[in-house]
Amino acid sequence: MSVNPNPAASLRPLKIMIVDDSAVVRGLISRWLEQERDMVLAGLAIDGLKAIEKVREIQPDVLILDIEMPNMGGLEALPKLLAAKPGLKVLMASTLTTRGANVTIRALELGAADYIPKPDSTRIGGADGFRTELLTKIRALCGRTRQWPVPPAPDARAPETKAPEARPAPSAPTAHGPLPTHTPSHSVAPKPIHTPVAPTLRPRGIGPKRIDCLVVGASTGGPPALRAFLLGLGNDWKLPILIVQHMPATFTTILAEHLDKALPMKVQEAKDGMLIESRNVYIAPGDWHMTIKNDPICKQLKLDQGPQVNWCRPAVDPLFKSAADVYGNHALAVVLTGMGHDGRDGAQALVNVNASVMVQDEATSVVWGMPGAVAEAGLAEIIKPIEGLSAACRAFARGERP
């Protein structure tokens, strides 16, 4: 049986559709997509009503959806768009406002895969960061880690011996991890396709142990996953829960408010010096790392704006490492869906003190980046869908081995 030496070559381009009433934004994103070898602009629409008809017709892979539009806004159109094309990945284009955050969190609960902060009118001319994050998220949502490699130009003559050309400097990273490599047409050779390492379950510890704290990390697809996971813990859950969800400021505030209304536990955005108490859920605020301070009287939350970790702030690794330092093997960690590998190093610190680490499985993750990185490193004791993780946490809290 022959093996294709370049798996990427057999992949079809991703079909992308833009739904936005702004001609400037449509034109900007359209030009970006035209420059990508592994993407094609499949369609445009100026409102949700027209978008539903076009989605049925062209069946795109990813839809970039604006929130505020005439005739039918993004939130109203979202369920109809998902019904028109099962499996459609919808990326909400959101403003960094309280209203934008509220609508975005609601859209994620209704089935949107992720969101991207939309540049305002004063930033359209310098939208490199928006472009980079947009293309990275499109690829991640479709299981593509980076742009296709560019094959060498065909030449019937014998190749000349040349000194290798210098590789271009790497691009700046995104908030969720390294950027996809852009291989220009003059590159000497394509980079190899990354083959993930098959995950190996970490051997489970022997016998029950006391659990005093649950720490959770999430990114892309995290808000609805968090809601389902926390609801699955049940009404009698008592242990404190500390969460890092990759989100900007304002969005984490709204996320805490939404979860507080849905859960029996008290959910709040963390504040520096806040005491860690039972039946409380603490969410790291956007742009602040959250760690645990082992005060002699009572354990407290510590917030800081130190350097980004894994190109993120807040980041999961600082929280997990502090949980290992303060709680030792009485900490329990869960890594949910998300891009990048944030949480892997923190999981290693927890494993080093014999704490238990669990991750969401690939089938139910929007992006199996963060949980996959922990699993592939052999640090996960349990790999399960959301309901299985909740059940395992309940067993741990009862002093049992799930």
Protein backbone atom coordinates (compact mmCIF):
# COMPACT_ATOMS: atom_id res chain seq x y z
CA MET A 1 0.00 0.00 0.00
CA SER A 2 1.45 3.36 -0.98
CA VAL A 3 1.68 6.12 1.58
CA ASN A 4 1.20 9.75 0.69
CA PRO A 5 4.47 11.44 1.74
CA ASN A 6 2.69 14.77 2.12
CA PRO A 7 -0.70 14.32 3.88
CA ALA A 8 -1.41 18.04 3.69
CA ALA A 9 -1.38 17.90 -0.10
CA SER A 10 -4.50 15.71 -0.10
CA LEU A 11 -6.51 18.09 2.07
CA ARG A 12 -9.00 20.37 0.37
CA PRO A 13 -8.98 24.09 1.14
CA LEU A 14 -11.19 25.18 4.02
CA LYS A 15 -14.37 26.95 2.87
CA ILE A 16 -14.82 30.18 4.85
CA MET A 17 -17.91 32.40 4.86
CA ILE A 18 -18.11 35.96 6.23
CA VAL A 19 -21.35 37.41 7.61
CA ASP A 20 -20.94 41.09 8.47
CA ASP A 21 -22.77 44.26 7.48
CA SER A 22 -19.51 46.24 7.41
CA ALA A 23 -18.03 46.45 3.90
CA VAL A 24 -14.67 47.38 5.43
CA VAL A 25 -14.53 44.25 7.58
CA ARG A 26 -15.77 42.00 4.75
CA GLY A 27 -13.14 43.41 2.40
CA LEU A 28 -10.36 43.17 4.97
CA ILE A 29 -10.99 39.52 5.86
CA SER A 30 -11.62 38.60 2.22
CA ARG A 31 -8.17 39.88 1.22
CA TRP A 32 -6.54 37.91 4.04
CA LEU A 33 -8.27 34.69 3.03
CA GLU A 34 -7.22 35.14 -0.61
CA GLN A 35 -3.58 35.08 0.53
CA GLU A 36 -3.91 31.72 2.32
CA ARG A 37 -3.25 28.55 0.31
CA ASP A 38 -5.35 26.33 2.58
CA MET A 39 -8.46 28.55 2.67
CA VAL A 40 -10.97 29.82 0.16
CA LEU A 41 -13.59 32.54 0.52
CA ALA A 42 -16.79 30.61 -0.12
CA GLY A 43 -19.37 33.33 0.41
CA LEU A 44 -20.40 36.69 1.86
CA ALA A 45 -23.59 37.91 3.52
CA ILE A 46 -24.59 41.22 5.07
CA ASP A 47 -27.11 39.88 7.60
CA GLY A 48 -28.19 36.69 9.31
CA LEU A 49 -31.23 36.17 7.08
CA LYS A 50 -29.20 36.07 3.87
CA ALA A 51 -26.53 34.00 5.61
CA ILE A 52 -28.94 31.12 6.34
CA GLU A 53 -29.79 30.74 2.64
CA LYS A 54 -26.12 30.83 1.60
CA VAL A 55 -25.01 28.35 4.26
CA ARG A 56 -27.54 25.81 2.94
CA GLU A 57 -26.18 26.37 -0.55
CA ILE A 58 -22.39 26.45 -0.09
CA GLN A 59 -21.97 24.36 3.12
CA PRO A 60 -18.92 26.22 4.51
CA ASP A 61 -16.52 24.78 7.08
CA VAL A 62 -16.17 27.97 9.14
CA LEU A 63 -18.47 30.98 9.38
CA ILE A 64 -17.26 34.31 10.78
CA LEU A 65 -20.40 35.86 12.27
CA ASP A 66 -20.95 39.47 13.29
CA ILE A 67 -23.28 40.17 16.21
CA GLU A 68 -24.96 43.49 15.35
CA MET A 69 -26.58 43.38 11.87
CA PRO A 70 -29.82 44.62 10.26
CA ASN A 71 -32.78 42.30 9.55
CA MET A 72 -31.38 39.46 11.66
CA GLY A 73 -28.48 39.73 14.12
CA GLY A 74 -25.88 37.07 14.77
CA LEU A 75 -27.42 35.73 17.98
CA GLU A 76 -30.85 35.22 16.40
CA ALA A 77 -29.36 33.64 13.28
CA LEU A 78 -26.93 31.31 15.07
CA PRO A 79 -29.29 28.35 15.81
CA LYS A 80 -30.67 28.49 12.26
CA LEU A 81 -27.15 28.56 10.79
CA LEU A 82 -26.09 25.53 12.84
CA ALA A 83 -29.22 23.69 11.69
CA ALA A 84 -28.52 24.59 8.06
CA LYS A 85 -25.11 22.92 8.19
CA PRO A 86 -24.49 20.34 10.95
CA GLY A 87 -20.92 20.54 12.19
CA LEU A 88 -20.47 24.15 11.08
CA LYS A 89 -17.81 25.98 13.10
CA VAL A 90 -19.08 29.47 13.94
CA LEU A 91 -16.57 32.10 15.03
CA MET A 92 -18.29 35.10 16.62
CA ALA A 93 -16.76 38.49 15.81
CA SER A 94 -17.27 40.40 19.05
CA THR A 95 -16.60 43.88 20.37
CA LEU A 96 -14.70 44.25 23.64
CA THR A 97 -17.68 45.75 25.45
CA THR A 98 -20.02 44.54 28.19
CA ARG A 99 -22.79 44.04 25.65
CA GLY A 100 -20.40 42.31 23.27
CA ALA A 101 -19.24 40.00 26.06
CA ASN A 102 -22.81 39.19 27.13
CA VAL A 103 -23.89 38.31 23.59
CA THR A 104 -20.70 36.33 22.95
CA ILE A 105 -21.08 34.18 26.08
CA ARG A 106 -24.70 33.53 25.12
CA ALA A 107 -23.62 32.59 21.58
CA LEU A 108 -21.07 30.13 22.95
CA GLU A 109 -23.81 28.57 25.06
CA LEU A 110 -25.96 28.23 21.92
CA GLY A 111 -23.28 26.40 19.96
CA ALA A 112 -20.75 28.90 18.57
CA ALA A 113 -17.30 27.31 18.56
CA ASP A 114 -15.28 30.37 19.58
CA TYR A 115 -15.08 34.15 19.31
CA ILE A 116 -12.55 36.73 18.22
CA PRO A 117 -12.34 40.34 19.46
CA LYS A 118 -13.18 42.59 16.53
CA PRO A 119 -10.93 45.59 15.87
CA ASP A 120 -12.75 48.92 16.17
CA SER A 121 -12.69 51.60 13.49
CA THR A 122 -9.51 53.16 14.88
CA ARG A 123 -7.56 49.91 14.55
CA ILE A 124 -8.63 48.67 11.11
CA GLY A 125 -5.44 50.04 9.54
CA GLY A 126 -3.22 48.08 11.92
CA ALA A 127 -5.13 44.84 12.26
CA ASP A 128 -2.19 42.42 12.08
CA GLY A 129 -3.01 40.95 15.49
CA PHE A 130 -6.63 40.40 14.48
CA ARG A 131 -5.55 38.72 11.26
CA THR A 132 -3.11 36.41 12.99
CA GLU A 133 -5.58 35.35 15.66
CA LEU A 134 -8.37 34.86 13.13
CA LEU A 135 -6.35 32.58 10.83
CA THR A 136 -4.93 30.65 13.77
CA LYS A 137 -8.39 30.00 15.19
CA ILE A 138 -9.85 28.97 11.84
CA ARG A 139 -7.15 26.35 11.41
CA ALA A 140 -7.41 25.13 15.00
CA LEU A 141 -11.18 24.72 14.77
CA CYS A 142 -10.70 22.53 11.69
CA GLY A 143 -7.82 20.50 13.08
CA ARG A 144 -5.17 22.20 10.98
CA THR A 145 -2.16 23.36 12.98
CA ARG A 146 -0.73 25.70 10.35
CA GLN A 147 -0.71 26.72 6.69
CA TRP A 148 0.00 24.08 4.08
CA PRO A 149 3.67 23.70 3.16
CA VAL A 150 4.54 25.06 -0.25
CA PRO A 151 5.92 22.39 -2.65
CA PRO A 152 9.14 23.15 -4.54
CA ALA A 153 8.59 24.63 -8.00
CA PRO A 154 8.73 21.94 -10.74
CA ASP A 155 11.97 22.03 -12.74
CA ALA A 156 13.03 19.44 -15.30
CA ARG A 157 16.70 20.39 -15.08
CA ALA A 158 19.11 18.85 -12.62
CA PRO A 159 19.00 20.83 -9.37
CA GLU A 160 21.86 23.18 -8.69
CA THR A 161 23.76 22.97 -5.45
CA LYS A 162 22.97 26.09 -3.46
CA ALA A 163 23.60 27.22 0.05
CA PRO A 164 20.39 26.98 2.07
CA GLU A 165 18.42 30.19 2.30
CA ALA A 166 17.88 31.75 5.70
CA ARG A 167 14.51 30.90 7.21
CA PRO A 168 12.20 33.84 7.88
CA ALA A 169 11.98 35.00 11.46
CA PRO A 170 9.03 33.47 13.32
CA SER A 171 5.92 35.56 13.67
CA ALA A 172 4.78 36.90 17.02
CA PRO A 173 2.70 34.42 19.00
CA THR A 174 -1.01 34.71 19.59
CA ALA A 175 -2.74 34.81 22.95
CA HIS A 176 -3.24 31.04 22.77
CA GLY A 177 0.11 29.77 21.59
CA PRO A 178 2.57 29.84 18.69
CA LEU A 179 1.32 31.08 15.37
CA PRO A 180 0.96 28.82 12.36
CA THR A 181 4.12 28.99 10.31
CA HIS A 182 3.72 30.95 7.06
CA THR A 183 5.96 29.32 4.48
CA PRO A 184 6.71 31.82 1.69
CA SER A 185 6.89 30.67 -1.92
CA HIS A 186 10.68 31.00 -2.01
CA SER A 187 11.23 28.66 0.94
CA VAL A 188 13.78 25.89 0.33
CA ALA A 189 11.63 23.00 1.50
CA PRO A 190 8.33 22.38 3.28
CA LYS A 191 8.47 21.69 6.99
CA PRO A 192 7.46 18.20 8.09
CA ILE A 193 3.87 17.53 9.07
CA HIS A 194 3.50 17.17 12.85
CA THR A 195 2.35 13.73 13.93
CA PRO A 196 0.85 13.77 17.45
CA VAL A 197 2.13 11.29 19.98
CA ALA A 198 -0.49 8.75 21.01
CA PRO A 199 -1.64 9.58 24.55
CA THR A 200 -0.69 7.18 27.31
CA LEU A 201 -2.72 7.13 30.51
CA ARG A 202 -0.68 7.83 33.60
CA PRO A 203 -0.92 4.91 36.08
CA ARG A 204 -3.48 5.67 38.79
CA GLY A 205 -2.52 5.97 42.41
CA ILE A 206 -3.40 3.26 44.87
CA GLY A 207 -6.18 3.84 47.37
CA PRO A 208 -8.28 6.92 48.21
CA LYS A 209 -6.87 10.29 49.20
CA ARG A 210 -8.29 13.55 50.50
CA ILE A 211 -9.03 16.27 47.94
CA ASP A 212 -9.08 19.86 49.17
CA CYS A 213 -9.22 21.90 45.96
CA LEU A 214 -10.19 21.54 42.28
CA VAL A 215 -8.28 23.57 39.67
CA VAL A 216 -9.49 23.84 36.07
CA GLY A 217 -8.00 25.18 32.84
CA ALA A 218 -9.86 25.89 29.57
CA SER A 219 -9.61 27.94 26.39
CA THR A 220 -11.33 27.54 23.00
CA GLY A 221 -14.79 26.05 23.57
CA GLY A 222 -14.34 26.46 27.31
CA PRO A 223 -17.42 28.44 28.47
CA PRO A 224 -20.06 25.83 27.52
CA ALA A 225 -17.70 23.02 28.58
CA LEU A 226 -17.20 24.67 31.96
CA ARG A 227 -20.95 25.11 32.42
CA ALA A 228 -21.66 21.44 31.67
CA PHE A 229 -18.74 20.23 33.79
CA LEU A 230 -19.68 22.33 36.82
CA LEU A 231 -23.37 21.41 36.58
CA GLY A 232 -22.31 17.78 36.52
CA LEU A 233 -20.64 18.13 39.91
CA GLY A 234 -24.09 18.29 41.52
CA ASN A 235 -25.79 20.34 44.21
CA ASP A 236 -23.80 18.84 47.07
CA TRP A 237 -20.34 19.82 45.79
CA LYS A 238 -18.41 21.60 48.56
CA LEU A 239 -14.75 21.93 47.53
CA PRO A 240 -13.45 25.29 46.25
CA ILE A 241 -12.92 25.48 42.49
CA LEU A 242 -10.34 27.75 40.83
CA ILE A 243 -10.67 28.32 37.06
CA VAL A 244 -8.47 29.87 34.40
CA GLN A 245 -10.38 30.44 31.16
CA HIS A 246 -8.46 32.24 28.41
CA MET A 247 -10.52 35.39 27.97
CA PRO A 248 -9.97 39.15 27.98
CA ALA A 249 -11.12 41.48 30.72
CA THR A 250 -14.89 42.16 30.80
CA PHE A 251 -15.51 38.73 29.23
CA THR A 252 -14.40 36.92 32.40
CA THR A 253 -16.68 39.17 34.46
CA ILE A 254 -19.66 38.27 32.28
CA LEU A 255 -18.69 34.58 32.25
CA ALA A 256 -18.71 34.55 36.07
CA GLU A 257 -22.14 36.20 36.12
CA HIS A 258 -23.59 33.68 33.64
CA LEU A 259 -22.20 30.70 35.57
CA ASP A 260 -23.35 32.11 38.91
CA LYS A 261 -26.94 32.19 37.64
CA ALA A 262 -26.73 28.63 36.33
CA LEU A 263 -24.99 26.87 39.25
CA PRO A 264 -25.82 26.09 42.88
CA MET A 265 -22.32 27.20 43.92
CA LYS A 266 -21.31 30.85 44.25
CA VAL A 267 -19.33 31.88 41.17
CA GLN A 268 -17.31 35.09 41.15
CA GLU A 269 -14.45 36.76 39.36
CA ALA A 270 -11.39 36.53 41.61
CA LYS A 271 -9.95 39.50 43.49
CA ASP A 272 -6.50 39.77 44.97
CA GLY A 273 -6.39 38.59 48.61
CA MET A 274 -9.78 36.88 48.42
CA LEU A 275 -10.07 33.94 50.84
CA ILE A 276 -10.52 30.51 49.27
CA GLU A 277 -13.71 29.08 50.74
CA SER A 278 -15.79 25.95 50.22
CA ARG A 279 -18.77 26.00 47.81
CA ASN A 280 -17.15 28.88 45.92
CA VAL A 281 -15.94 29.04 42.31
CA TYR A 282 -13.27 31.62 41.46
CA ILE A 283 -12.55 32.69 37.85
CA ALA A 284 -9.26 34.41 37.01
CA PRO A 285 -9.95 37.90 35.65
CA GLY A 286 -8.83 38.74 32.12
CA ASP A 287 -5.25 40.06 31.92
CA TRP A 288 -4.37 38.79 35.43
CA HIS A 289 -2.62 35.59 36.46
CA MET A 290 -4.29 33.86 39.41
CA THR A 291 -2.29 31.79 41.89
CA ILE A 292 -2.72 30.50 45.45
CA LYS A 293 -1.02 32.10 48.44
CA ASN A 294 -0.48 29.78 51.41
CA ASP A 295 -1.22 32.24 54.20
CA PRO A 296 -0.62 30.86 57.72
CA ILE A 297 -4.25 31.59 58.67
CA CYS A 298 -6.15 30.86 55.46
CA LYS A 299 -5.32 30.15 51.83
CA GLN A 300 -5.83 33.20 49.63
CA LEU A 301 -5.94 34.13 45.95
CA LYS A 302 -3.11 36.15 44.52
CA LEU A 303 -3.45 38.14 41.29
CA ASP A 304 -0.58 39.61 39.33
CA GLN A 305 0.20 41.04 35.91
CA GLY A 306 3.54 39.33 35.48
CA PRO A 307 4.78 38.34 32.01
CA GLN A 308 2.50 36.27 29.83
CA VAL A 309 2.93 32.52 30.18
CA ASN A 310 2.43 30.48 26.99
CA TRP A 311 1.47 33.84 25.43
CA CYS A 312 -1.51 34.04 27.82
CA ARG A 313 -2.58 36.11 30.81
CA PRO A 314 -4.31 34.59 32.68
CA ALA A 315 -2.51 31.30 32.11
CA VAL A 316 -3.25 27.84 33.47
CA ASP A 317 0.34 26.85 34.30
CA PRO A 318 0.86 29.40 37.13
CA LEU A 319 -2.39 28.29 38.81
CA PHE A 320 -1.57 24.58 38.53
CA LYS A 321 1.99 25.06 39.78
CA SER A 322 0.80 27.04 42.80
CA ALA A 323 -1.80 24.36 43.54
CA ALA A 324 0.99 21.79 43.54
CA ASP A 325 3.03 23.95 45.94
CA VAL A 326 0.16 24.69 48.33
CA TYR A 327 -2.13 21.64 48.19
CA GLY A 328 0.30 18.94 47.05
CA ASN A 329 -1.42 15.63 46.35
CA HIS A 330 -4.65 16.99 47.85
CA ALA A 331 -5.20 19.04 44.65
CA LEU A 332 -7.23 17.74 41.72
CA ALA A 333 -6.82 19.22 38.22
CA VAL A 334 -8.95 19.13 35.07
CA VAL A 335 -7.94 20.43 31.62
CA LEU A 336 -10.80 21.13 29.24
CA THR A 337 -10.93 21.99 25.53
CA GLY A 338 -8.54 24.65 24.28
CA MET A 339 -5.82 25.70 21.84
CA GLY A 340 -2.12 25.47 22.59
CA HIS A 341 -0.43 23.61 25.43
CA ASP A 342 -1.08 25.85 28.44
CA GLY A 343 -1.54 23.62 31.49
CA ARG A 344 0.93 20.93 30.44
CA ASP A 345 3.83 22.21 32.56
CA GLY A 346 1.51 22.86 35.48
CA ALA A 347 0.16 19.32 35.12
CA GLN A 348 3.73 18.05 35.36
CA ALA A 349 4.20 19.96 38.62
CA LEU A 350 1.01 18.39 40.00
CA VAL A 351 2.05 14.89 38.92
CA ASN A 352 5.42 15.45 40.62
CA VAL A 353 3.61 15.75 43.98
CA ASN A 354 1.32 12.80 43.18
CA ALA A 355 -1.78 14.90 42.50
CA SER A 356 -4.36 13.63 40.00
CA VAL A 357 -4.81 15.25 36.57
CA MET A 358 -7.73 14.56 34.20
CA VAL A 359 -8.41 15.85 30.68
CA GLN A 360 -11.34 16.11 28.31
CA ASP A 361 -11.28 13.58 25.48
CA GLU A 362 -10.61 14.51 21.88
CA ALA A 363 -14.05 13.56 20.55
CA THR A 364 -15.90 16.10 22.72
CA SER A 365 -13.26 18.88 22.67
CA VAL A 366 -13.76 21.80 20.30
CA VAL A 367 -9.95 21.86 20.03
CA TRP A 368 -7.84 19.08 21.55
CA GLY A 369 -4.80 21.28 22.06
CA MET A 370 -4.45 21.81 25.81
CA PRO A 371 -5.96 18.49 26.93
CA GLY A 372 -4.13 16.71 24.14
CA ALA A 373 -0.78 18.18 25.19
CA VAL A 374 -1.27 16.89 28.74
CA ALA A 375 -2.40 13.48 27.48
CA GLU A 376 0.44 13.13 24.99
CA ALA A 377 2.93 13.96 27.75
CA GLY A 378 1.60 10.97 29.72
CA LEU A 379 0.34 13.15 32.59
CA ALA A 380 -3.39 12.38 32.43
CA GLU A 381 -4.74 9.85 34.89
CA ILE A 382 -8.19 9.94 33.26
CA ILE A 383 -9.32 10.97 29.73
CA LYS A 384 -13.10 11.27 29.46
CA PRO A 385 -15.93 13.38 28.03
CA ILE A 386 -17.40 16.12 30.21
CA GLU A 387 -19.90 13.96 32.09
CA GLY A 388 -17.19 11.39 32.84
CA LEU A 389 -14.91 14.07 34.25
CA SER A 390 -17.68 15.38 36.50
CA ALA A 391 -18.41 11.86 37.76
CA ALA A 392 -14.71 11.22 38.42
CA CYS A 393 -14.45 14.47 40.39
CA ARG A 394 -17.44 13.49 42.51
CA ALA A 395 -15.78 10.16 43.27
CA PHE A 396 -12.52 11.87 44.23
CA ALA A 397 -14.42 14.28 46.50
CA ARG A 398 -15.99 11.30 48.29
CA GLY A 399 -12.54 9.88 48.91
CA GLU A 400 -12.89 7.19 46.26
CA ARG A 401 -10.74 6.28 43.26
CA PRO A 402 -12.90 6.65 40.13
